[in-house]
Amino acid sequence: MIGPQDPRPPEGHATRPEGLADGPFPDRGARLPGLDVEITAVLTEEAAALDEGEYRLWLDMLDPAFRYEIPVPLLREDPVLPRHSRYAVLFEATKRVLELKLGRAGLLQAWSDRPATTTRHFLGPVRVFDAPAPGAVRADASLLVTSNRGVEHTVLISAARQDLLHERQGGWVLLRRRVLLDVEVATHEQLSIIF
């Protein structure tokens, strides 16, 4: 006799994509090369919105549960050990925090944003993997960002970026972003950049 099915999802499998916004960042699942071009196009538009100061458009590309994090880089002699902490972060924000941060840029009283900073995101190859929730994927990419303000204020930084995206209303939205900086000690100028 067959009993009732267990309604719980398999171990380690999120029931909804929004459940991936918290807890440890998910490992890579199966490689999904068929989505590389589509997800690259989404991330290219997202980077362009940031670079062009279209902050409302950029924020609309984020899920309400969106979480952004920059883990602490670790200086390790053993190259096998991870180069970034799994628990400690230099910066962490929700969509609401980013709305408050970016909402100031267009206000007259935001004098600290004048002259405005110019950023450029150079996105490297994007590789897409399965994520442990239906309709969600993980996209890993290399990233180079430049930030310029005035004559003497220039920041150049490279990073690995890991994004979780999920389908919503026929498109893709960002659910979570983890930025792995290629530096041992990050400066406040580097941390002020949205990667």
C-alpha atoms as a PDB file:
ATOM      1  CA  MET A   1       0.000   0.000   0.000  1.00  0.00           C
ATOM      2  CA  ILE A   2       1.273   3.432  -0.930  1.00  0.00           C
ATOM      3  CA  GLY A   3       0.966   6.032   1.798  1.00  0.00           C
ATOM      4  CA  PRO A   4       0.579   9.793   1.353  1.00  0.00           C
ATOM      5  CA  GLN A   5       3.505  11.557  -0.289  1.00  0.00           C
ATOM      6  CA  ASP A   6       5.832  13.630   1.859  1.00  0.00           C
ATOM      7  CA  PRO A   7       4.908  17.282   1.100  1.00  0.00           C
ATOM      8  CA  ARG A   8       8.346  18.535   2.117  1.00  0.00           C
ATOM      9  CA  PRO A   9      10.829  19.399  -0.654  1.00  0.00           C
ATOM     10  CA  PRO A  10      13.976  17.302  -1.000  1.00  0.00           C
ATOM     11  CA  GLU A  11      16.769  18.089   1.471  1.00  0.00           C
ATOM     12  CA  GLY A  12      18.616  21.283   0.499  1.00  0.00           C
ATOM     13  CA  HIS A  13      15.949  22.321  -2.040  1.00  0.00           C
ATOM     14  CA  ALA A  14      14.260  25.693  -1.483  1.00  0.00           C
ATOM     15  CA  THR A  15      10.484  25.653  -1.885  1.00  0.00           C
ATOM     16  CA  ARG A  16      10.345  29.109  -3.453  1.00  0.00           C
ATOM     17  CA  PRO A  17      13.063  31.201  -5.133  1.00  0.00           C
ATOM     18  CA  GLU A  18      12.685  33.888  -2.440  1.00  0.00           C
ATOM     19  CA  GLY A  19      13.931  31.318   0.083  1.00  0.00           C
ATOM     20  CA  LEU A  20      17.373  31.574  -1.562  1.00  0.00           C
ATOM     21  CA  ALA A  21      17.782  35.199  -0.455  1.00  0.00           C
ATOM     22  CA  ASP A  22      18.760  34.094   3.055  1.00  0.00           C
ATOM     23  CA  GLY A  23      21.225  31.595   4.442  1.00  0.00           C
ATOM     24  CA  PRO A  24      24.426  30.382   2.816  1.00  0.00           C
ATOM     25  CA  PHE A  25      24.901  31.243  -0.843  1.00  0.00           C
ATOM     26  CA  PRO A  26      23.914  28.133  -2.860  1.00  0.00           C
ATOM     27  CA  ASP A  27      26.589  26.061  -4.569  1.00  0.00           C
ATOM     28  CA  ARG A  28      26.581  25.690  -8.327  1.00  0.00           C
ATOM     29  CA  GLY A  29      24.100  23.211  -9.703  1.00  0.00           C
ATOM     30  CA  ALA A  30      24.191  21.594 -13.130  1.00  0.00           C
ATOM     31  CA  ARG A  31      25.645  23.771 -15.896  1.00  0.00           C
ATOM     32  CA  LEU A  32      22.968  25.393 -18.125  1.00  0.00           C
ATOM     33  CA  PRO A  33      24.893  26.693 -21.181  1.00  0.00           C
ATOM     34  CA  GLY A  34      21.667  27.176 -23.145  1.00  0.00           C
ATOM     35  CA  LEU A  35      20.816  30.141 -20.881  1.00  0.00           C
ATOM     36  CA  ASP A  36      24.204  31.901 -21.109  1.00  0.00           C
ATOM     37  CA  VAL A  37      23.153  34.315 -23.874  1.00  0.00           C
ATOM     38  CA  GLU A  38      19.775  35.151 -22.322  1.00  0.00           C
ATOM     39  CA  ILE A  39      21.157  35.798 -18.829  1.00  0.00           C
ATOM     40  CA  THR A  40      24.120  37.756 -20.246  1.00  0.00           C
ATOM     41  CA  ALA A  41      21.616  40.067 -21.970  1.00  0.00           C
ATOM     42  CA  VAL A  42      19.751  40.596 -18.682  1.00  0.00           C
ATOM     43  CA  LEU A  43      22.961  41.377 -16.770  1.00  0.00           C
ATOM     44  CA  THR A  44      24.183  43.692 -19.562  1.00  0.00           C
ATOM     45  CA  GLU A  45      20.984  45.763 -19.328  1.00  0.00           C
ATOM     46  CA  GLU A  46      21.271  45.779 -15.547  1.00  0.00           C
ATOM     47  CA  ALA A  47      24.861  47.082 -15.703  1.00  0.00           C
ATOM     48  CA  ALA A  48      23.869  49.726 -18.269  1.00  0.00           C
ATOM     49  CA  ALA A  49      21.099  50.974 -15.970  1.00  0.00           C
ATOM     50  CA  LEU A  50      23.657  51.466 -13.179  1.00  0.00           C
ATOM     51  CA  ASP A  51      26.221  53.134 -15.450  1.00  0.00           C
ATOM     52  CA  GLU A  52      23.648  55.487 -16.977  1.00  0.00           C
ATOM     53  CA  GLY A  53      22.194  56.512 -13.612  1.00  0.00           C
ATOM     54  CA  GLU A  54      18.816  54.899 -14.329  1.00  0.00           C
ATOM     55  CA  TYR A  55      18.440  53.862 -10.709  1.00  0.00           C
ATOM     56  CA  ARG A  56      14.669  53.409 -10.752  1.00  0.00           C
ATOM     57  CA  LEU A  57      14.994  51.075 -13.723  1.00  0.00           C
ATOM     58  CA  TRP A  58      17.791  49.191 -11.958  1.00  0.00           C
ATOM     59  CA  LEU A  59      15.774  48.831  -8.756  1.00  0.00           C
ATOM     60  CA  ASP A  60      12.857  47.445 -10.789  1.00  0.00           C
ATOM     61  CA  MET A  61      15.187  44.623 -11.885  1.00  0.00           C
ATOM     62  CA  LEU A  62      15.483  43.482  -8.261  1.00  0.00           C
ATOM     63  CA  ASP A  63      13.137  41.110  -6.483  1.00  0.00           C
ATOM     64  CA  PRO A  64      11.572  42.579  -3.290  1.00  0.00           C
ATOM     65  CA  ALA A  65      13.562  39.962  -1.311  1.00  0.00           C
ATOM     66  CA  PHE A  66      16.850  40.993  -2.988  1.00  0.00           C
ATOM     67  CA  ARG A  67      20.001  40.720  -0.889  1.00  0.00           C
ATOM     68  CA  TYR A  68      23.429  42.167  -1.786  1.00  0.00           C
ATOM     69  CA  GLU A  69      26.604  41.099  -0.008  1.00  0.00           C
ATOM     70  CA  ILE A  70      30.362  41.574  -0.188  1.00  0.00           C
ATOM     71  CA  PRO A  71      32.146  38.911   1.892  1.00  0.00           C
ATOM     72  CA  VAL A  72      35.381  39.655   3.728  1.00  0.00           C
ATOM     73  CA  PRO A  73      38.429  38.717   1.602  1.00  0.00           C
ATOM     74  CA  LEU A  74      40.813  36.320   3.380  1.00  0.00           C
ATOM     75  CA  LEU A  75      44.586  36.297   2.992  1.00  0.00           C
ATOM     76  CA  ARG A  76      45.500  32.604   2.868  1.00  0.00           C
ATOM     77  CA  GLU A  77      48.892  30.970   2.329  1.00  0.00           C
ATOM     78  CA  ASP A  78      47.230  27.713   1.291  1.00  0.00           C
ATOM     79  CA  PRO A  79      45.717  28.215  -2.203  1.00  0.00           C
ATOM     80  CA  VAL A  80      43.218  25.406  -1.584  1.00  0.00           C
ATOM     81  CA  LEU A  81      41.441  27.336   1.187  1.00  0.00           C
ATOM     82  CA  PRO A  82      38.626  29.740   0.227  1.00  0.00           C
ATOM     83  CA  ARG A  83      39.673  33.339  -0.405  1.00  0.00           C
ATOM     84  CA  HIS A  84      36.469  34.846   1.010  1.00  0.00           C
ATOM     85  CA  SER A  85      34.583  34.308   4.243  1.00  0.00           C
ATOM     86  CA  ARG A  86      31.342  32.340   4.143  1.00  0.00           C
ATOM     87  CA  TYR A  87      29.996  34.235   7.176  1.00  0.00           C
ATOM     88  CA  ALA A  88      31.593  37.677   7.645  1.00  0.00           C
ATOM     89  CA  VAL A  89      30.669  40.501   5.256  1.00  0.00           C
ATOM     90  CA  LEU A  90      32.121  43.927   4.533  1.00  0.00           C
ATOM     91  CA  PHE A  91      28.815  45.197   3.198  1.00  0.00           C
ATOM     92  CA  GLU A  92      25.287  43.827   3.111  1.00  0.00           C
ATOM     93  CA  ALA A  93      22.099  45.473   1.914  1.00  0.00           C
ATOM     94  CA  THR A  94      18.494  44.755   1.063  1.00  0.00           C
ATOM     95  CA  LYS A  95      16.547  46.280  -1.806  1.00  0.00           C
ATOM     96  CA  ARG A  96      15.089  48.829   0.633  1.00  0.00           C
ATOM     97  CA  VAL A  97      18.555  49.960   1.772  1.00  0.00           C
ATOM     98  CA  LEU A  98      19.640  50.387  -1.853  1.00  0.00           C
ATOM     99  CA  GLU A  99      16.470  52.351  -2.603  1.00  0.00           C
ATOM    100  CA  LEU A 100      17.389  54.775   0.184  1.00  0.00           C
ATOM    101  CA  LYS A 101      21.002  55.012  -0.995  1.00  0.00           C
ATOM    102  CA  LEU A 102      20.172  55.596  -4.648  1.00  0.00           C
ATOM    103  CA  GLY A 103      17.150  57.786  -3.930  1.00  0.00           C
ATOM    104  CA  ARG A 104      19.432  60.567  -2.686  1.00  0.00           C
ATOM    105  CA  ALA A 105      21.327  60.887  -5.984  1.00  0.00           C
ATOM    106  CA  GLY A 106      18.680  63.018  -7.699  1.00  0.00           C
ATOM    107  CA  LEU A 107      18.019  65.360  -4.786  1.00  0.00           C
ATOM    108  CA  LEU A 108      19.380  68.902  -4.672  1.00  0.00           C
ATOM    109  CA  GLN A 109      20.472  68.477  -1.063  1.00  0.00           C
ATOM    110  CA  ALA A 110      22.676  65.502  -1.976  1.00  0.00           C
ATOM    111  CA  TRP A 111      25.652  67.834  -2.322  1.00  0.00           C
ATOM    112  CA  SER A 112      28.111  65.004  -1.608  1.00  0.00           C
ATOM    113  CA  ASP A 113      27.089  63.463  -4.960  1.00  0.00           C
ATOM    114  CA  ARG A 114      28.142  66.574  -6.902  1.00  0.00           C
ATOM    115  CA  PRO A 115      30.075  66.284  -9.135  1.00  0.00           C
ATOM    116  CA  ALA A 116      28.543  62.928  -9.914  1.00  0.00           C
ATOM    117  CA  THR A 117      30.647  59.774  -9.995  1.00  0.00           C
ATOM    118  CA  THR A 118      30.941  58.001 -13.333  1.00  0.00           C
ATOM    119  CA  THR A 119      31.043  54.209 -13.222  1.00  0.00           C
ATOM    120  CA  ARG A 120      31.536  51.619 -15.937  1.00  0.00           C
ATOM    121  CA  HIS A 121      30.868  47.905 -15.511  1.00  0.00           C
ATOM    122  CA  PHE A 122      32.802  45.562 -17.812  1.00  0.00           C
ATOM    123  CA  LEU A 123      31.138  42.177 -17.605  1.00  0.00           C
ATOM    124  CA  GLY A 124      33.228  39.099 -18.429  1.00  0.00           C
ATOM    125  CA  PRO A 125      31.907  35.751 -19.631  1.00  0.00           C
ATOM    126  CA  VAL A 126      28.706  34.663 -17.872  1.00  0.00           C
ATOM    127  CA  ARG A 127      28.195  31.004 -16.952  1.00  0.00           C
ATOM    128  CA  VAL A 128      24.737  29.885 -15.847  1.00  0.00           C
ATOM    129  CA  PHE A 129      24.054  27.035 -13.412  1.00  0.00           C
ATOM    130  CA  ASP A 130      20.953  25.470 -11.922  1.00  0.00           C
ATOM    131  CA  ALA A 131      19.870  26.769  -8.492  1.00  0.00           C
ATOM    132  CA  PRO A 132      18.025  24.813  -5.769  1.00  0.00           C
ATOM    133  CA  ALA A 133      14.595  26.337  -6.440  1.00  0.00           C
ATOM    134  CA  PRO A 134      12.211  26.032  -9.387  1.00  0.00           C
ATOM    135  CA  GLY A 135      12.636  28.816 -11.951  1.00  0.00           C
ATOM    136  CA  ALA A 136      15.892  30.057 -10.379  1.00  0.00           C
ATOM    137  CA  VAL A 137      19.424  30.064 -11.775  1.00  0.00           C
ATOM    138  CA  ARG A 138      22.866  31.057 -10.595  1.00  0.00           C
ATOM    139  CA  ALA A 139      25.034  33.205 -12.908  1.00  0.00           C
ATOM    140  CA  ASP A 140      28.781  33.508 -12.299  1.00  0.00           C
ATOM    141  CA  ALA A 141      30.823  36.190 -14.073  1.00  0.00           C
ATOM    142  CA  SER A 142      34.035  38.151 -13.886  1.00  0.00           C
ATOM    143  CA  LEU A 143      33.664  41.893 -13.487  1.00  0.00           C
ATOM    144  CA  LEU A 144      35.871  44.958 -13.872  1.00  0.00           C
ATOM    145  CA  VAL A 145      34.503  48.259 -12.570  1.00  0.00           C
ATOM    146  CA  THR A 146      35.918  51.748 -12.987  1.00  0.00           C
ATOM    147  CA  SER A 147      34.720  54.688 -10.931  1.00  0.00           C
ATOM    148  CA  ASN A 148      35.790  58.266 -11.655  1.00  0.00           C
ATOM    149  CA  ARG A 149      35.000  61.508  -9.892  1.00  0.00           C
ATOM    150  CA  GLY A 150      36.950  64.645 -10.627  1.00  0.00           C
ATOM    151  CA  VAL A 151      40.575  64.691 -11.740  1.00  0.00           C
ATOM    152  CA  GLU A 152      42.286  62.661  -9.040  1.00  0.00           C
ATOM    153  CA  HIS A 153      39.610  60.277  -7.838  1.00  0.00           C
ATOM    154  CA  THR A 154      39.784  57.046  -9.864  1.00  0.00           C
ATOM    155  CA  VAL A 155      39.010  53.533  -8.639  1.00  0.00           C
ATOM    156  CA  LEU A 156      39.629  50.374 -10.649  1.00  0.00           C
ATOM    157  CA  ILE A 157      38.642  47.035  -9.160  1.00  0.00           C
ATOM    158  CA  SER A 158      38.062  43.495 -10.388  1.00  0.00           C
ATOM    159  CA  ALA A 159      35.810  40.918  -8.798  1.00  0.00           C
ATOM    160  CA  ALA A 160      34.017  37.642  -9.284  1.00  0.00           C
ATOM    161  CA  ARG A 161      30.270  38.114  -9.128  1.00  0.00           C
ATOM    162  CA  GLN A 162      27.685  35.486  -8.296  1.00  0.00           C
ATOM    163  CA  ASP A 163      24.040  36.258  -8.968  1.00  0.00           C
ATOM    164  CA  LEU A 164      20.843  34.385  -8.274  1.00  0.00           C
ATOM    165  CA  LEU A 165      18.017  35.203 -10.675  1.00  0.00           C
ATOM    166  CA  HIS A 166      14.503  33.895 -11.025  1.00  0.00           C
ATOM    167  CA  GLU A 167      11.749  34.185 -13.574  1.00  0.00           C
ATOM    168  CA  ARG A 168       8.967  36.661 -12.901  1.00  0.00           C
ATOM    169  CA  GLN A 169       6.224  37.689 -15.315  1.00  0.00           C
ATOM    170  CA  GLY A 170       8.070  36.432 -18.384  1.00  0.00           C
ATOM    171  CA  GLY A 171      11.431  37.979 -17.482  1.00  0.00           C
ATOM    172  CA  TRP A 172      14.321  37.592 -15.066  1.00  0.00           C
ATOM    173  CA  VAL A 173      14.883  39.512 -11.827  1.00  0.00           C
ATOM    174  CA  LEU A 174      17.842  39.529  -9.470  1.00  0.00           C
ATOM    175  CA  LEU A 175      17.244  37.764  -6.185  1.00  0.00           C
ATOM    176  CA  ARG A 176      20.702  37.871  -4.655  1.00  0.00           C
ATOM    177  CA  ARG A 177      24.205  39.109  -5.481  1.00  0.00           C
ATOM    178  CA  ARG A 178      27.516  38.135  -3.917  1.00  0.00           C
ATOM    179  CA  VAL A 179      30.635  40.088  -4.901  1.00  0.00           C
ATOM    180  CA  LEU A 180      34.036  38.465  -4.324  1.00  0.00           C
ATOM    181  CA  LEU A 181      36.582  41.295  -4.465  1.00  0.00           C
ATOM    182  CA  ASP A 182      40.061  40.586  -5.839  1.00  0.00           C
ATOM    183  CA  VAL A 183      41.733  42.616  -3.076  1.00  0.00           C
ATOM    184  CA  GLU A 184      42.960  41.749   0.380  1.00  0.00           C
ATOM    185  CA  VAL A 185      41.842  45.023   1.994  1.00  0.00           C
ATOM    186  CA  ALA A 186      38.945  46.940   0.448  1.00  0.00           C
ATOM    187  CA  THR A 187      38.857  50.744   0.589  1.00  0.00           C
ATOM    188  CA  HIS A 188      35.771  52.828   1.334  1.00  0.00           C
ATOM    189  CA  GLU A 189      35.815  54.046  -2.292  1.00  0.00           C
ATOM    190  CA  GLN A 190      35.618  50.453  -3.501  1.00  0.00           C
ATOM    191  CA  LEU A 191      32.821  49.588  -1.091  1.00  0.00           C
ATOM    192  CA  SER A 192      30.776  52.608  -2.217  1.00  0.00           C
ATOM    193  CA  ILE A 193      30.466  51.079  -5.705  1.00  0.00           C
ATOM    194  CA  ILE A 194      27.434  48.957  -6.525  1.00  0.00           C
ATOM    195  CA  PHE A 195      28.874  45.982  -8.336  1.00  0.00           C
END
